[in-house]
């Protein structure tokens, strides 16, 4: 739970439109994480590092978006006198992203084959977490309902 007070007035209409637009754009790019994981088995070591680098760039964009979204949710919660909860998925995604960066560095130095399997697993986990995040947000934006995830 955050203890910070909300900053400034909340313009709900303007604040909702930006996340929806960002969600649509980022949700389409999440497949890059799966593509990078799939590529590990069939590409050269150098190509794998390129895929991981692109995945890390995307993950930073997603993390920035999620942080802003979390701040907005906390501001609304404080306005409504409700607690602001940290989403465990967000914390886990941040941990996995840090681990992916560490593995990329290890791989770049040592060409460690064992790291490649872990990179693949971490990418698949991040893919699942980000898909779940965006699916939940689309359900929330639609006012509830079922989640259709292929």
C-alpha atoms as a PDB file:
ATOM      1  CA  UNK A   1       0.000   0.000   0.000  1.00  0.00           C
ATOM      2  CA  UNK A   2       1.304   3.428  -0.936  1.00  0.00           C
ATOM      3  CA  UNK A   3       1.278   6.200   1.640  1.00  0.00           C
ATOM      4  CA  UNK A   4       1.644   9.078  -0.813  1.00  0.00           C
ATOM      5  CA  UNK A   5      -1.186  11.525  -1.227  1.00  0.00           C
ATOM      6  CA  UNK A   6      -2.587  12.071  -4.706  1.00  0.00           C
ATOM      7  CA  UNK A   7      -1.056  14.883  -6.759  1.00  0.00           C
ATOM      8  CA  UNK A   8      -3.481  17.385  -8.240  1.00  0.00           C
ATOM      9  CA  UNK A   9      -7.062  16.941  -9.445  1.00  0.00           C
ATOM     10  CA  UNK A  10      -8.046  13.820 -11.363  1.00  0.00           C
ATOM     11  CA  UNK A  11      -9.387  14.365 -14.869  1.00  0.00           C
ATOM     12  CA  UNK A  12     -10.893  10.903 -15.294  1.00  0.00           C
ATOM     13  CA  UNK A  13     -12.000  11.331 -18.908  1.00  0.00           C
ATOM     14  CA  UNK A  14      -8.584  12.481 -20.122  1.00  0.00           C
ATOM     15  CA  UNK A  15      -6.736   9.988 -17.931  1.00  0.00           C
ATOM     16  CA  UNK A  16      -8.754   7.028 -19.218  1.00  0.00           C
ATOM     17  CA  UNK A  17      -8.235   7.755 -22.922  1.00  0.00           C
ATOM     18  CA  UNK A  18      -4.432   7.728 -22.817  1.00  0.00           C
ATOM     19  CA  UNK A  19      -4.148   4.325 -21.099  1.00  0.00           C
ATOM     20  CA  UNK A  20      -6.665   2.815 -23.520  1.00  0.00           C
ATOM     21  CA  UNK A  21      -4.657   4.033 -26.518  1.00  0.00           C
ATOM     22  CA  UNK A  22      -1.400   2.846 -24.961  1.00  0.00           C
ATOM     23  CA  UNK A  23      -2.953  -0.508 -24.075  1.00  0.00           C
ATOM     24  CA  UNK A  24      -4.012  -1.104 -27.651  1.00  0.00           C
ATOM     25  CA  UNK A  25      -0.563  -0.297 -29.014  1.00  0.00           C
ATOM     26  CA  UNK A  26       1.393  -2.204 -26.361  1.00  0.00           C
ATOM     27  CA  UNK A  27      -0.939  -5.220 -26.302  1.00  0.00           C
ATOM     28  CA  UNK A  28      -0.240  -5.777 -29.994  1.00  0.00           C
ATOM     29  CA  UNK A  29       3.516  -5.737 -29.380  1.00  0.00           C
ATOM     30  CA  UNK A  30       3.501  -8.259 -26.508  1.00  0.00           C
ATOM     31  CA  UNK A  31       3.832 -11.084 -29.040  1.00  0.00           C
ATOM     32  CA  UNK A  32       7.457  -9.933 -29.429  1.00  0.00           C
ATOM     33  CA  UNK A  33       8.203 -11.622 -26.091  1.00  0.00           C
ATOM     34  CA  UNK A  34       6.919 -14.973 -27.355  1.00  0.00           C
ATOM     35  CA  UNK A  35       8.706 -14.522 -30.681  1.00  0.00           C
ATOM     36  CA  UNK A  36      11.983 -13.876 -28.840  1.00  0.00           C
ATOM     37  CA  UNK A  37      11.502 -16.997 -26.699  1.00  0.00           C
ATOM     38  CA  UNK A  38      10.639 -19.106 -29.751  1.00  0.00           C
ATOM     39  CA  UNK A  39      13.721 -17.798 -31.572  1.00  0.00           C
ATOM     40  CA  UNK A  40      16.161 -19.127 -28.999  1.00  0.00           C
ATOM     41  CA  UNK A  41      15.962 -22.704 -30.259  1.00  0.00           C
ATOM     42  CA  UNK A  42      16.512 -21.844 -33.916  1.00  0.00           C
ATOM     43  CA  UNK A  43      18.774 -18.762 -34.030  1.00  0.00           C
ATOM     44  CA  UNK A  44      22.413 -17.993 -33.457  1.00  0.00           C
ATOM     45  CA  UNK A  45      23.687 -16.641 -30.174  1.00  0.00           C
ATOM     46  CA  UNK A  46      24.006 -13.131 -31.658  1.00  0.00           C
ATOM     47  CA  UNK A  47      20.429 -13.191 -32.975  1.00  0.00           C
ATOM     48  CA  UNK A  48      19.169 -14.273 -29.551  1.00  0.00           C
ATOM     49  CA  UNK A  49      20.848 -11.261 -27.938  1.00  0.00           C
ATOM     50  CA  UNK A  50      19.175  -8.993 -30.499  1.00  0.00           C
ATOM     51  CA  UNK A  51      15.763 -10.498 -29.664  1.00  0.00           C
ATOM     52  CA  UNK A  52      16.403 -10.104 -25.941  1.00  0.00           C
ATOM     53  CA  UNK A  53      17.451  -6.482 -26.408  1.00  0.00           C
ATOM     54  CA  UNK A  54      14.220  -5.713 -28.300  1.00  0.00           C
ATOM     55  CA  UNK A  55      12.232  -7.510 -25.582  1.00  0.00           C
ATOM     56  CA  UNK A  56      13.921  -5.442 -22.857  1.00  0.00           C
ATOM     57  CA  UNK A  57      13.081  -2.204 -24.698  1.00  0.00           C
ATOM     58  CA  UNK A  58       9.436  -3.271 -24.982  1.00  0.00           C
ATOM     59  CA  UNK A  59       9.353  -4.322 -21.321  1.00  0.00           C
ATOM     60  CA  UNK A  60      10.620  -0.903 -20.256  1.00  0.00           C
ATOM     61  CA  UNK A  61       7.803   0.743 -22.237  1.00  0.00           C
ATOM     62  CA  UNK A  62       5.261  -1.600 -20.661  1.00  0.00           C
ATOM     63  CA  UNK A  63       6.689  -1.024 -17.168  1.00  0.00           C
ATOM     64  CA  UNK A  64       6.506   2.743 -17.630  1.00  0.00           C
ATOM     65  CA  UNK A  65       2.895   2.455 -18.731  1.00  0.00           C
ATOM     66  CA  UNK A  66       2.000   0.154 -15.825  1.00  0.00           C
ATOM     67  CA  UNK A  67       3.673   2.481 -13.295  1.00  0.00           C
ATOM     68  CA  UNK A  68       1.653   5.438 -14.600  1.00  0.00           C
ATOM     69  CA  UNK A  69      -1.492   3.350 -14.545  1.00  0.00           C
ATOM     70  CA  UNK A  70      -0.780   2.239 -10.973  1.00  0.00           C
ATOM     71  CA  UNK A  71      -0.227   5.837  -9.887  1.00  0.00           C
ATOM     72  CA  UNK A  72      -3.550   6.830 -11.434  1.00  0.00           C
ATOM     73  CA  UNK A  73      -5.346   3.944  -9.689  1.00  0.00           C
ATOM     74  CA  UNK A  74      -3.781   4.973  -6.372  1.00  0.00           C
ATOM     75  CA  UNK A  75      -4.877   8.570  -6.877  1.00  0.00           C
ATOM     76  CA  UNK A  76      -8.444   7.410  -7.499  1.00  0.00           C
ATOM     77  CA  UNK A  77      -8.282   5.074  -4.487  1.00  0.00           C
ATOM     78  CA  UNK A  78      -7.067   7.880  -2.203  1.00  0.00           C
ATOM     79  CA  UNK A  79      -9.759  10.171  -3.561  1.00  0.00           C
ATOM     80  CA  UNK A  80     -12.336   7.511  -2.685  1.00  0.00           C
ATOM     81  CA  UNK A  81     -10.662   6.786   0.696  1.00  0.00           C
ATOM     82  CA  UNK A  82      -9.700   3.236  -0.313  1.00  0.00           C
ATOM     83  CA  UNK A  83      -6.297   1.571   0.093  1.00  0.00           C
ATOM     84  CA  UNK A  84      -4.006   1.386  -2.918  1.00  0.00           C
ATOM     85  CA  UNK A  85      -2.712  -2.130  -3.439  1.00  0.00           C
ATOM     86  CA  UNK A  86       0.431  -3.176  -5.255  1.00  0.00           C
ATOM     87  CA  UNK A  87      -0.322  -5.741  -7.937  1.00  0.00           C
ATOM     88  CA  UNK A  88       1.784  -8.833  -7.436  1.00  0.00           C
ATOM     89  CA  UNK A  89       1.926  -9.361 -11.214  1.00  0.00           C
ATOM     90  CA  UNK A  90       3.659  -6.012 -11.584  1.00  0.00           C
ATOM     91  CA  UNK A  91       6.219  -6.850  -8.915  1.00  0.00           C
ATOM     92  CA  UNK A  92       6.886 -10.250 -10.482  1.00  0.00           C
ATOM     93  CA  UNK A  93       7.231  -8.732 -13.967  1.00  0.00           C
ATOM     94  CA  UNK A  94       9.788  -6.243 -12.634  1.00  0.00           C
ATOM     95  CA  UNK A  95      11.749  -9.099 -11.011  1.00  0.00           C
ATOM     96  CA  UNK A  96      11.691 -11.164 -14.200  1.00  0.00           C
ATOM     97  CA  UNK A  97      12.737  -8.167 -16.303  1.00  0.00           C
ATOM     98  CA  UNK A  98      15.743  -7.580 -14.031  1.00  0.00           C
ATOM     99  CA  UNK A  99      16.620 -11.277 -14.322  1.00  0.00           C
ATOM    100  CA  UNK A 100      16.366 -11.116 -18.122  1.00  0.00           C
ATOM    101  CA  UNK A 101      18.822  -8.205 -18.150  1.00  0.00           C
ATOM    102  CA  UNK A 102      21.229 -10.165 -15.949  1.00  0.00           C
ATOM    103  CA  UNK A 103      20.984 -13.211 -18.211  1.00  0.00           C
ATOM    104  CA  UNK A 104      21.576 -11.094 -21.310  1.00  0.00           C
ATOM    105  CA  UNK A 105      24.759  -9.723 -19.753  1.00  0.00           C
ATOM    106  CA  UNK A 106      25.888 -13.228 -18.776  1.00  0.00           C
ATOM    107  CA  UNK A 107      25.172 -14.529 -22.260  1.00  0.00           C
ATOM    108  CA  UNK A 108      27.004 -11.653 -23.925  1.00  0.00           C
ATOM    109  CA  UNK A 109      30.131 -12.332 -21.846  1.00  0.00           C
ATOM    110  CA  UNK A 110      30.291 -16.100 -21.667  1.00  0.00           C
ATOM    111  CA  UNK A 111      28.143 -17.449 -24.492  1.00  0.00           C
ATOM    112  CA  UNK A 112      26.607 -19.583 -21.741  1.00  0.00           C
ATOM    113  CA  UNK A 113      24.295 -22.168 -23.262  1.00  0.00           C
ATOM    114  CA  UNK A 114      22.666 -22.790 -19.881  1.00  0.00           C
ATOM    115  CA  UNK A 115      21.586 -19.159 -19.726  1.00  0.00           C
ATOM    116  CA  UNK A 116      19.759 -19.505 -23.042  1.00  0.00           C
ATOM    117  CA  UNK A 117      17.220 -21.948 -21.598  1.00  0.00           C
ATOM    118  CA  UNK A 118      16.583 -19.678 -18.635  1.00  0.00           C
ATOM    119  CA  UNK A 119      16.224 -16.670 -20.963  1.00  0.00           C
ATOM    120  CA  UNK A 120      13.606 -18.619 -22.904  1.00  0.00           C
ATOM    121  CA  UNK A 121      11.697 -19.508 -19.720  1.00  0.00           C
ATOM    122  CA  UNK A 122      11.817 -15.918 -18.435  1.00  0.00           C
ATOM    123  CA  UNK A 123      10.554 -14.576 -21.778  1.00  0.00           C
ATOM    124  CA  UNK A 124       7.622 -17.013 -21.771  1.00  0.00           C
ATOM    125  CA  UNK A 125       6.780 -16.051 -18.171  1.00  0.00           C
ATOM    126  CA  UNK A 126       6.896 -12.348 -19.058  1.00  0.00           C
ATOM    127  CA  UNK A 127       4.747 -13.001 -22.123  1.00  0.00           C
ATOM    128  CA  UNK A 128       2.125 -14.735 -19.968  1.00  0.00           C
ATOM    129  CA  UNK A 129       2.158 -11.990 -17.310  1.00  0.00           C
ATOM    130  CA  UNK A 130       1.849  -9.159 -19.835  1.00  0.00           C
ATOM    131  CA  UNK A 131      -0.940 -10.932 -21.730  1.00  0.00           C
ATOM    132  CA  UNK A 132      -2.794 -11.419 -18.461  1.00  0.00           C
ATOM    133  CA  UNK A 133      -2.278  -7.761 -17.536  1.00  0.00           C
ATOM    134  CA  UNK A 134      -3.668  -6.496 -20.836  1.00  0.00           C
ATOM    135  CA  UNK A 135      -6.537  -8.987 -20.806  1.00  0.00           C
ATOM    136  CA  UNK A 136      -7.559  -7.787 -17.333  1.00  0.00           C
ATOM    137  CA  UNK A 137      -7.369  -4.166 -18.424  1.00  0.00           C
ATOM    138  CA  UNK A 138      -9.515  -4.783 -21.489  1.00  0.00           C
ATOM    139  CA  UNK A 139     -12.093  -6.561 -19.329  1.00  0.00           C
ATOM    140  CA  UNK A 140     -12.053  -3.678 -16.827  1.00  0.00           C
ATOM    141  CA  UNK A 141     -12.418  -1.136 -19.642  1.00  0.00           C
ATOM    142  CA  UNK A 142     -15.352  -3.100 -21.074  1.00  0.00           C
ATOM    143  CA  UNK A 143     -17.059  -3.202 -17.706  1.00  0.00           C
ATOM    144  CA  UNK A 144     -16.474  -6.879 -16.914  1.00  0.00           C
ATOM    145  CA  UNK A 145     -17.132 -10.004 -18.847  1.00  0.00           C
ATOM    146  CA  UNK A 146     -15.009 -12.903 -19.974  1.00  0.00           C
ATOM    147  CA  UNK A 147     -11.393 -12.892 -21.051  1.00  0.00           C
ATOM    148  CA  UNK A 148     -10.675 -14.274 -24.514  1.00  0.00           C
ATOM    149  CA  UNK A 149      -6.997 -15.161 -24.703  1.00  0.00           C
ATOM    150  CA  UNK A 150      -5.688 -17.286 -27.557  1.00  0.00           C
END
